[in-house]
Amino acid sequence: MNRQTTFPSMRLFTRLATTALVLLGLAACETPTRFASQVISKPSSPLKTVNIVYVEKELRASGTPATDKRDDKLTDYGYYDLGRLLKERAPVVLAANQLSGNVTVIPQAKPNGSADIAPTPPEGGLLTLQVSGGQAVKANLALHRSYLNFSANLLGETSPGVPRPQLWTSRINFRLGADEAMGVLLIHRIDVKFVDDLIVGMLNSMNADGVIALPQSKAIRP
């Protein structure tokens, strides 16, 4: 007796394969981020220590009183967890790449969004990170996105009476919120993976610009 083997419909197979590729693609870009950097001056030798200072900033829609509660969407997206996650993850990611450094989180202290940076060890570089702007977009009832711009500035080592030289600056753009493709809804949030990717991206950019030296061609995740 001849046995017949039934194969799934090629159309169904193609649809499933396409959906799988979309899901993989969305997972790979879970936290879309773009870096644009500029070298101002290079240190005499690549930095091995990078201390990070993150300056928190309350984000509110234009015209919203400062007394109003925080934006629910930004809270859902983890924006206000960024300082805590940086303190937890940055030393781990730095150590994985044979670098050292600590993280200081400074709450917003002045109406214009600036804050005084606490004294930091003179050894090593000082990387300041803060929000420089953003935009909230509501595509429809289900799709809300927030586009945020971060500025990162790296200062070199200092000594008594000598100010830190500015070495490197970067503009970092990323979005939080909803994406939809092939009927799949994905929410981009600030989480451990986001923070690891953010630090790795900055390390790769600084390494390419010659202000730090990684032990390998690209930064690695722990």
Protein backbone atom coordinates (compact mmCIF):
# COMPACT_ATOMS: atom_id res chain seq x y z
CA MET A 1 0.00 0.00 0.00
CA ASN A 2 1.34 3.38 -0.95
CA ARG A 3 1.49 5.79 1.96
CA GLN A 4 0.67 9.40 1.22
CA THR A 5 2.30 12.17 3.23
CA THR A 6 0.32 15.36 3.63
CA PHE A 7 2.28 18.59 3.85
CA PRO A 8 0.93 21.86 5.29
CA SER A 9 -0.26 24.44 2.87
CA MET A 10 2.63 26.44 1.46
CA ARG A 11 0.61 29.61 2.06
CA LEU A 12 0.18 28.73 5.73
CA PHE A 13 3.87 27.86 6.03
CA THR A 14 4.87 31.16 4.47
CA ARG A 15 2.56 33.07 6.79
CA LEU A 16 3.93 31.31 9.87
CA ALA A 17 7.51 31.85 8.75
CA THR A 18 6.88 35.52 8.08
CA THR A 19 5.25 35.97 11.47
CA ALA A 20 8.20 34.26 13.15
CA LEU A 21 10.65 36.56 11.39
CA VAL A 22 8.64 39.61 12.42
CA LEU A 23 8.62 38.43 16.04
CA LEU A 24 12.36 37.82 15.96
CA GLY A 25 12.93 41.21 14.38
CA LEU A 26 10.81 42.96 16.98
CA ALA A 27 12.58 41.14 19.79
CA ALA A 28 15.94 42.17 18.37
CA CYS A 29 14.95 45.85 18.39
CA GLU A 30 13.16 45.79 21.71
CA THR A 31 14.64 49.13 22.69
CA PRO A 32 15.43 51.06 19.50
CA THR A 33 18.38 53.37 20.14
CA ARG A 34 20.54 55.59 17.93
CA PHE A 35 23.88 57.10 18.87
CA ALA A 36 25.63 60.13 17.37
CA SER A 37 28.96 61.04 18.96
CA GLN A 38 31.75 63.58 18.68
CA VAL A 39 35.30 63.58 20.03
CA ILE A 40 36.36 66.89 21.53
CA SER A 41 39.81 65.85 22.75
CA LYS A 42 41.44 62.51 23.46
CA PRO A 43 43.05 61.58 26.77
CA SER A 44 46.78 60.86 26.86
CA SER A 45 45.85 57.21 27.38
CA PRO A 46 42.47 55.46 27.10
CA LEU A 47 40.37 55.61 30.26
CA LYS A 48 40.04 52.47 32.36
CA THR A 49 37.61 53.98 34.87
CA VAL A 50 34.35 55.68 33.92
CA ASN A 51 32.19 57.01 36.76
CA ILE A 52 28.64 57.78 35.70
CA VAL A 53 26.42 60.58 36.99
CA TYR A 54 22.78 60.36 35.93
CA VAL A 55 20.76 63.54 36.46
CA GLU A 56 17.08 62.73 36.83
CA LYS A 57 14.48 64.89 35.14
CA GLU A 58 10.72 65.05 35.47
CA LEU A 59 9.07 65.02 32.05
CA ARG A 60 5.72 66.71 31.59
CA ALA A 61 3.72 67.86 28.59
CA SER A 62 4.13 71.49 27.63
CA GLY A 63 1.93 73.67 29.85
CA THR A 64 1.40 70.96 32.46
CA PRO A 65 1.80 72.30 36.02
CA ALA A 66 4.76 70.89 37.92
CA THR A 67 2.39 69.95 40.72
CA ASP A 68 0.55 67.44 38.52
CA LYS A 69 1.26 63.75 38.98
CA ARG A 70 3.79 61.97 36.81
CA ASP A 71 2.81 60.88 33.33
CA ASP A 72 1.17 57.44 33.59
CA LYS A 73 2.62 56.21 30.31
CA LEU A 74 6.20 57.13 31.20
CA THR A 75 5.72 55.41 34.54
CA ASP A 76 4.42 52.29 32.76
CA TYR A 77 7.37 52.38 30.36
CA GLY A 78 9.85 52.38 33.25
CA TYR A 79 11.29 55.86 32.68
CA TYR A 80 11.49 56.56 36.40
CA ASP A 81 13.31 53.27 37.00
CA LEU A 82 16.28 54.31 34.88
CA GLY A 83 18.37 55.71 37.73
CA ARG A 84 17.93 52.60 39.87
CA LEU A 85 18.71 50.28 36.96
CA LEU A 86 21.81 52.25 36.01
CA LYS A 87 23.14 51.90 39.56
CA GLU A 88 22.51 48.17 39.45
CA ARG A 89 23.71 47.37 35.96
CA ALA A 90 26.44 49.84 34.97
CA PRO A 91 29.15 48.45 37.34
CA VAL A 92 28.33 44.92 36.14
CA VAL A 93 28.55 45.84 32.44
CA LEU A 94 31.74 47.86 32.99
CA ALA A 95 33.37 44.97 34.85
CA ALA A 96 32.43 42.55 32.07
CA ASN A 97 34.47 44.78 29.74
CA GLN A 98 37.48 45.13 32.10
CA LEU A 99 36.51 48.66 33.10
CA SER A 100 35.56 50.05 36.48
CA GLY A 101 33.25 52.78 37.69
CA ASN A 102 30.36 53.69 39.96
CA VAL A 103 27.03 55.38 39.37
CA THR A 104 25.64 58.42 41.17
CA VAL A 105 21.99 59.39 40.66
CA ILE A 106 21.16 63.04 41.27
CA PRO A 107 17.51 64.08 41.64
CA GLN A 108 16.34 67.09 39.69
CA ALA A 109 16.88 70.03 42.02
CA LYS A 110 16.22 73.21 40.06
CA PRO A 111 13.27 74.51 38.00
CA ASN A 112 15.37 74.63 34.81
CA GLY A 113 16.20 70.94 35.14
CA SER A 114 19.86 71.39 36.03
CA ALA A 115 21.42 69.90 39.13
CA ASP A 116 24.65 70.24 41.02
CA ILE A 117 26.97 67.29 40.50
CA ALA A 118 28.32 65.92 43.75
CA PRO A 119 32.10 65.53 44.15
CA THR A 120 33.43 62.47 42.36
CA PRO A 121 36.83 60.74 42.54
CA PRO A 122 39.43 62.61 40.42
CA GLU A 123 40.69 59.33 38.99
CA GLY A 124 39.05 58.16 35.81
CA GLY A 125 36.54 59.77 33.52
CA LEU A 126 33.21 61.29 34.49
CA LEU A 127 30.26 60.50 32.23
CA THR A 128 27.16 62.63 32.77
CA LEU A 129 23.87 61.39 31.37
CA GLN A 130 20.59 63.29 31.31
CA VAL A 131 17.46 63.86 29.25
CA SER A 132 17.75 66.80 26.88
CA GLY A 133 14.25 66.66 25.37
CA GLY A 134 11.51 64.48 24.02
CA GLN A 135 8.13 64.17 22.35
CA ALA A 136 5.01 62.16 23.10
CA VAL A 137 3.02 60.80 20.14
CA LYS A 138 -0.44 59.21 20.24
CA ALA A 139 -1.03 57.30 17.00
CA ASN A 140 -4.42 55.95 18.10
CA LEU A 141 -6.18 54.77 21.24
CA ALA A 142 -3.82 51.79 21.60
CA LEU A 143 -0.51 53.11 20.27
CA HIS A 144 1.32 55.61 22.45
CA ARG A 145 5.00 56.40 21.92
CA SER A 146 7.48 58.63 23.68
CA TYR A 147 10.62 59.71 21.82
CA LEU A 148 13.38 60.72 24.24
CA ASN A 149 16.71 62.45 23.63
CA PHE A 150 19.57 61.86 26.04
CA SER A 151 22.83 63.77 26.13
CA ALA A 152 26.01 62.09 27.36
CA ASN A 153 29.19 64.03 28.10
CA LEU A 154 32.50 62.46 29.07
CA LEU A 155 35.03 64.47 31.07
CA GLY A 156 38.60 63.37 31.66
CA GLU A 157 40.62 62.93 34.84
CA THR A 158 41.28 65.91 37.05
CA SER A 159 43.82 67.08 39.61
CA PRO A 160 43.69 69.79 42.30
CA GLY A 161 43.00 73.17 40.75
CA VAL A 162 42.64 71.71 37.26
CA PRO A 163 39.15 71.35 35.74
CA ARG A 164 38.20 68.17 33.99
CA PRO A 165 38.77 68.40 30.22
CA GLN A 166 35.81 67.60 28.00
CA LEU A 167 36.63 64.54 25.90
CA TRP A 168 33.53 63.22 24.20
CA THR A 169 29.88 63.96 23.74
CA SER A 170 26.98 61.95 22.39
CA ARG A 171 23.32 62.36 21.58
CA ILE A 172 21.24 59.26 22.19
CA ASN A 173 17.74 58.91 20.77
CA PHE A 174 15.33 56.15 21.66
CA ARG A 175 11.63 55.52 21.85
CA LEU A 176 9.38 53.96 24.44
CA GLY A 177 5.88 52.66 23.95
CA ALA A 178 4.02 50.59 21.42
CA ASP A 179 4.97 49.12 18.06
CA GLU A 180 2.70 47.03 15.90
CA ALA A 181 3.57 44.73 12.99
CA MET A 182 1.69 41.77 11.52
CA GLY A 183 -0.88 42.21 14.27
CA VAL A 184 1.74 41.81 17.01
CA LEU A 185 1.86 44.51 19.68
CA LEU A 186 5.19 45.08 21.40
CA ILE A 187 5.80 47.55 24.22
CA HIS A 188 9.29 49.05 24.48
CA ARG A 189 10.16 49.61 28.15
CA ILE A 190 13.17 50.59 30.19
CA ASP A 191 14.32 47.37 31.83
CA VAL A 192 17.54 45.47 32.49
CA LYS A 193 18.05 44.66 28.80
CA PHE A 194 17.46 48.29 27.82
CA VAL A 195 20.03 49.57 30.33
CA ASP A 196 22.60 46.94 29.37
CA ASP A 197 22.12 47.84 25.69
CA LEU A 198 22.41 51.54 26.49
CA ILE A 199 25.71 51.11 28.35
CA VAL A 200 27.11 48.70 25.75
CA GLY A 201 26.19 51.16 23.00
CA MET A 202 28.00 54.01 24.73
CA LEU A 203 31.06 51.83 25.37
CA ASN A 204 31.20 50.81 21.71
CA SER A 205 30.92 54.43 20.64
CA MET A 206 33.62 55.61 23.06
CA ASN A 207 35.87 52.72 22.04
CA ALA A 208 35.47 53.54 18.35
CA ASP A 209 36.28 57.19 19.13
CA GLY A 210 39.44 56.21 21.04
CA VAL A 211 38.61 57.57 24.51
CA ILE A 212 38.44 54.10 26.11
CA ALA A 213 40.04 50.82 25.09
CA LEU A 214 37.99 47.63 25.20
CA PRO A 215 39.76 44.25 25.47
CA GLN A 216 37.85 43.11 22.38
CA SER A 217 36.51 44.82 19.27
CA LYS A 218 33.00 45.23 20.73
CA ALA A 219 31.62 45.58 24.23
CA ILE A 220 30.02 42.48 25.65
CA ARG A 221 26.95 42.00 27.82
CA PRO A 222 27.33 40.20 31.13
